[in-house]
Amino acid sequence: GIAELNGEGEVVGGIVVMRYGDNAQTTIAGVKKRLAELVDSLPAGVEVVTVYDRSRLIDAALANLSVKLLQEVLVVAFICALFLFHLRSSLVVVISLPVAVLAAFSLMHWQGINANIMSLGGIAIAIGAMVYGAIVMLDNLHRHAQERGLTPENRWEVVSRSAAEVGRPLFFSLLIITVSFVPVFALQAQEGKLFSPLAYTKTYAMAAATVLAVTLVPVLMGYFVRGRIH
């Protein structure tokens, strides 16, 4: 159809409509490839100008999530090292957080949920709470180490006791956060289509963090929390 472009005159406008559920990046790449093939067949003086390219928004969202994840890891590592005076303890969080995000992405891939603004938003919302379990576990281990001392002989025993002490309440507290978005799944029509990817990914990320808090985190503490505990 005819449209006005930036007040410079009339142009022929076209919109590419993608099927619901398809991968936007793949579709856009196919459109760009087809447009490149059409360039040579255009009349003299006619050019194709892209007015809106959704891939820029998708790339920006992916970059934003990556930056936020990196910032979260660095801030948590710094705070743990600052307050616990033990740099290796922060490695527990540094490792467990990306693993939880990777688990969430794996579940997204298995279910067929694309990485879009809403689905990535779910992970961004969950990132702050995902480190909660590891931090509580670390703090309790340091308290036990301060009371009993931490030696190569008793290290795994102390880790086991400290993890078991807070494991159950920590698991259920994280589980409450995990199911907090379940009511979103009751939304219907456009609202359901819009917000369900966010609810799924947020739930998956928190579920992964909940499981890792009582499985992977205690093991990481046993390997990294050693030496002198201030």
Protein backbone atom coordinates (compact mmCIF):
# COMPACT_ATOMS: atom_id res chain seq x y z
CA GLY A 1 0.00 0.00 0.00
CA ILE A 2 0.94 3.67 -0.33
CA ALA A 3 2.49 5.29 2.73
CA GLU A 4 4.29 8.48 3.75
CA LEU A 5 7.94 8.00 4.70
CA ASN A 6 9.48 10.58 7.05
CA GLY A 7 7.64 13.43 5.33
CA GLU A 8 9.70 12.97 2.17
CA GLY A 9 6.92 11.74 -0.08
CA GLU A 10 4.82 8.72 -0.89
CA VAL A 11 6.32 5.26 -1.04
CA VAL A 12 5.12 1.71 -1.51
CA GLY A 13 4.94 0.10 1.92
CA GLY A 14 4.91 -3.56 2.83
CA ILE A 15 4.70 -5.52 6.09
CA VAL A 16 5.88 -9.08 6.61
CA VAL A 17 3.53 -10.97 8.91
CA MET A 18 4.98 -13.98 10.71
CA ARG A 19 2.95 -17.01 11.69
CA TYR A 20 2.26 -17.20 15.44
CA GLY A 21 4.80 -19.39 17.21
CA ASP A 22 7.48 -19.24 14.51
CA ASN A 23 11.04 -18.16 15.25
CA ALA A 24 11.35 -14.43 14.59
CA GLN A 25 15.09 -14.43 13.98
CA THR A 26 14.83 -17.23 11.41
CA THR A 27 11.91 -15.53 9.66
CA ILE A 28 13.69 -12.15 9.52
CA ALA A 29 16.86 -13.76 8.17
CA GLY A 30 14.78 -15.38 5.41
CA VAL A 31 13.13 -12.05 4.56
CA LYS A 32 16.49 -10.27 4.35
CA LYS A 33 17.86 -13.01 2.10
CA ARG A 34 14.85 -12.71 -0.22
CA LEU A 35 15.08 -8.90 -0.32
CA ALA A 36 18.75 -9.14 -1.25
CA GLU A 37 17.79 -11.38 -4.19
CA LEU A 38 15.21 -8.81 -5.36
CA VAL A 39 17.59 -5.84 -5.43
CA ASP A 40 19.01 -6.62 -8.89
CA SER A 41 15.53 -6.86 -10.42
CA LEU A 42 14.31 -3.46 -9.17
CA PRO A 43 13.85 -0.62 -11.68
CA ALA A 44 16.44 2.15 -11.78
CA GLY A 45 16.11 4.59 -8.89
CA VAL A 46 14.02 2.20 -6.78
CA GLU A 47 15.45 0.89 -3.54
CA VAL A 48 14.20 -1.14 -0.58
CA VAL A 49 14.39 0.72 2.73
CA THR A 50 13.84 -1.18 5.96
CA VAL A 51 11.75 0.98 8.27
CA TYR A 52 11.37 -1.44 11.18
CA ASP A 53 13.54 -4.49 11.84
CA ARG A 54 12.36 -6.56 14.80
CA SER A 55 15.70 -8.39 15.02
CA ARG A 56 17.29 -5.24 16.51
CA LEU A 57 14.85 -5.39 19.40
CA ILE A 58 15.49 -9.11 19.89
CA ASP A 59 19.26 -8.64 19.81
CA ALA A 60 18.95 -5.78 22.30
CA ALA A 61 16.87 -7.95 24.63
CA LEU A 62 19.40 -10.79 24.47
CA ALA A 63 22.27 -8.39 25.07
CA ASN A 64 20.42 -6.80 28.00
CA LEU A 65 19.81 -10.19 29.63
CA SER A 66 23.46 -11.14 29.16
CA VAL A 67 24.63 -7.87 30.71
CA LYS A 68 22.20 -8.19 33.65
CA LEU A 69 23.31 -11.77 34.29
CA LEU A 70 26.96 -10.72 34.25
CA GLN A 71 26.25 -7.75 36.53
CA GLU A 72 24.33 -9.98 38.94
CA VAL A 73 27.19 -12.48 39.10
CA LEU A 74 29.80 -9.77 39.67
CA VAL A 75 27.77 -7.91 42.32
CA VAL A 76 26.92 -11.07 44.26
CA ALA A 77 30.51 -12.29 44.07
CA PHE A 78 31.75 -8.93 45.35
CA ILE A 79 29.22 -8.76 48.19
CA CYS A 80 29.96 -12.35 49.28
CA ALA A 81 33.69 -11.72 49.22
CA LEU A 82 33.25 -8.42 51.08
CA PHE A 83 31.01 -9.66 53.90
CA LEU A 84 32.38 -13.20 54.25
CA PHE A 85 36.04 -12.27 53.64
CA HIS A 86 36.34 -15.42 51.55
CA LEU A 87 36.71 -15.06 47.78
CA ARG A 88 36.26 -18.74 46.95
CA SER A 89 32.84 -18.78 48.60
CA SER A 90 31.58 -16.40 45.93
CA LEU A 91 32.44 -19.03 43.29
CA VAL A 92 29.51 -21.09 44.55
CA VAL A 93 27.11 -18.36 43.42
CA VAL A 94 29.10 -17.60 40.26
CA ILE A 95 28.71 -21.21 39.11
CA SER A 96 25.20 -22.00 40.33
CA LEU A 97 23.47 -18.94 38.79
CA PRO A 98 24.45 -19.59 35.13
CA VAL A 99 23.63 -23.29 35.59
CA ALA A 100 20.11 -22.40 36.74
CA VAL A 101 19.65 -20.04 33.75
CA LEU A 102 20.94 -22.76 31.41
CA ALA A 103 18.44 -25.21 32.92
CA ALA A 104 15.64 -22.71 32.30
CA PHE A 105 16.70 -22.28 28.67
CA SER A 106 16.83 -26.08 28.27
CA LEU A 107 13.24 -26.39 29.47
CA MET A 108 12.23 -23.51 27.15
CA HIS A 109 13.82 -25.33 24.21
CA TRP A 110 12.13 -28.61 25.17
CA GLN A 111 8.73 -26.90 25.35
CA GLY A 112 9.31 -24.89 22.18
CA ILE A 113 9.24 -21.44 23.80
CA ASN A 114 11.19 -18.91 21.75
CA ALA A 115 13.57 -16.43 23.32
CA ASN A 116 11.56 -13.22 22.96
CA ILE A 117 10.99 -10.07 25.00
CA MET A 118 8.45 -11.66 27.35
CA SER A 119 10.20 -15.01 27.86
CA LEU A 120 13.55 -13.33 28.55
CA GLY A 121 11.75 -10.95 30.88
CA GLY A 122 10.74 -13.92 33.03
CA ILE A 123 14.37 -14.88 33.54
CA ALA A 124 15.32 -11.26 34.23
CA ILE A 125 12.64 -11.07 36.94
CA ALA A 126 13.84 -14.31 38.55
CA ILE A 127 17.58 -13.57 38.54
CA GLY A 128 17.50 -11.60 41.78
CA ALA A 129 15.76 -14.38 43.71
CA MET A 130 17.74 -17.21 42.12
CA VAL A 131 20.86 -16.44 44.16
CA TYR A 132 18.92 -16.42 47.43
CA GLY A 133 19.39 -20.14 48.11
CA ALA A 134 23.14 -20.16 47.54
CA ILE A 135 23.66 -17.09 49.73
CA VAL A 136 21.67 -18.53 52.64
CA MET A 137 23.56 -21.83 52.36
CA LEU A 138 26.91 -20.05 52.33
CA ASP A 139 26.06 -17.86 55.29
CA ASN A 140 24.99 -20.85 57.39
CA LEU A 141 28.12 -22.80 56.46
CA HIS A 142 30.32 -19.91 57.53
CA ARG A 143 28.46 -19.75 60.85
CA HIS A 144 29.06 -23.46 61.45
CA ALA A 145 32.71 -23.11 60.40
CA GLN A 146 33.15 -20.24 62.83
CA GLU A 147 31.67 -22.27 65.70
CA ARG A 148 33.34 -25.62 65.02
CA GLY A 149 36.30 -24.76 62.85
CA LEU A 150 36.80 -26.06 59.32
CA THR A 151 39.53 -28.63 58.68
CA PRO A 152 40.15 -31.06 55.80
CA GLU A 153 38.96 -33.86 58.08
CA ASN A 154 35.61 -32.39 59.10
CA ARG A 155 34.87 -30.14 56.10
CA TRP A 156 32.29 -32.39 54.42
CA GLU A 157 30.63 -33.16 57.74
CA VAL A 158 30.25 -29.45 58.51
CA VAL A 159 28.97 -28.78 54.99
CA SER A 160 26.44 -31.59 55.32
CA ARG A 161 25.19 -30.41 58.71
CA SER A 162 24.90 -26.77 57.70
CA ALA A 163 23.11 -27.62 54.43
CA ALA A 164 20.69 -30.01 56.14
CA GLU A 165 19.87 -27.40 58.78
CA VAL A 166 18.51 -24.83 56.30
CA GLY A 167 17.81 -27.10 53.33
CA ARG A 168 14.17 -27.91 54.05
CA PRO A 169 12.92 -24.38 54.93
CA LEU A 170 15.03 -22.92 52.11
CA PHE A 171 13.58 -25.36 49.58
CA PHE A 172 9.98 -24.57 50.49
CA SER A 173 10.57 -20.81 50.65
CA LEU A 174 12.01 -20.89 47.12
CA LEU A 175 9.14 -23.15 46.06
CA ILE A 176 6.65 -20.50 47.18
CA ILE A 177 8.43 -17.95 44.97
CA THR A 178 8.44 -20.50 42.13
CA VAL A 179 4.66 -20.99 42.13
CA SER A 180 3.87 -17.29 42.56
CA PHE A 181 3.29 -16.85 38.81
CA VAL A 182 1.01 -19.89 38.47
CA PRO A 183 -2.17 -17.69 38.39
CA VAL A 184 -0.84 -16.11 35.19
CA PHE A 185 -1.49 -19.43 33.42
CA ALA A 186 -5.22 -18.89 33.99
CA LEU A 187 -5.22 -15.89 31.65
CA GLN A 188 -7.02 -16.45 28.37
CA ALA A 189 -7.01 -15.00 24.83
CA GLN A 190 -4.47 -12.25 24.07
CA GLU A 191 -3.44 -11.82 27.71
CA GLY A 192 -2.62 -15.50 28.01
CA LYS A 193 -0.58 -15.51 24.78
CA LEU A 194 1.30 -12.39 25.88
CA PHE A 195 2.18 -13.27 29.47
CA SER A 196 2.39 -17.08 29.47
CA PRO A 197 5.99 -17.17 28.09
CA LEU A 198 7.08 -14.84 30.91
CA ALA A 199 5.33 -17.00 33.51
CA TYR A 200 6.82 -20.20 32.10
CA THR A 201 10.41 -18.97 32.02
CA LYS A 202 10.21 -17.30 35.43
CA THR A 203 8.81 -20.51 36.90
CA TYR A 204 11.42 -22.66 35.16
CA ALA A 205 14.30 -20.43 36.33
CA MET A 206 13.10 -20.42 39.94
CA ALA A 207 12.40 -24.17 39.86
CA ALA A 208 15.95 -24.82 38.65
CA ALA A 209 17.39 -22.53 41.34
CA THR A 210 15.25 -24.29 43.98
CA VAL A 211 16.53 -27.74 43.02
CA LEU A 212 20.14 -26.60 42.68
CA ALA A 213 20.03 -24.94 46.11
CA VAL A 214 19.68 -28.34 47.81
CA THR A 215 21.72 -30.42 45.34
CA LEU A 216 24.52 -28.61 43.51
CA VAL A 217 25.17 -25.76 45.97
CA PRO A 218 26.13 -28.00 48.96
CA VAL A 219 28.55 -29.91 46.73
CA LEU A 220 30.12 -26.69 45.45
CA MET A 221 30.46 -25.45 49.04
CA GLY A 222 32.33 -28.61 49.95
CA TYR A 223 34.85 -28.03 47.17
CA PHE A 224 35.30 -24.25 47.35
CA VAL A 225 34.78 -23.30 51.01
CA ARG A 226 38.07 -24.29 52.54
CA GLY A 227 41.11 -22.69 54.09
CA ARG A 228 40.95 -19.97 56.68
CA ILE A 229 37.43 -18.77 57.53
CA HIS A 230 37.40 -15.27 59.05
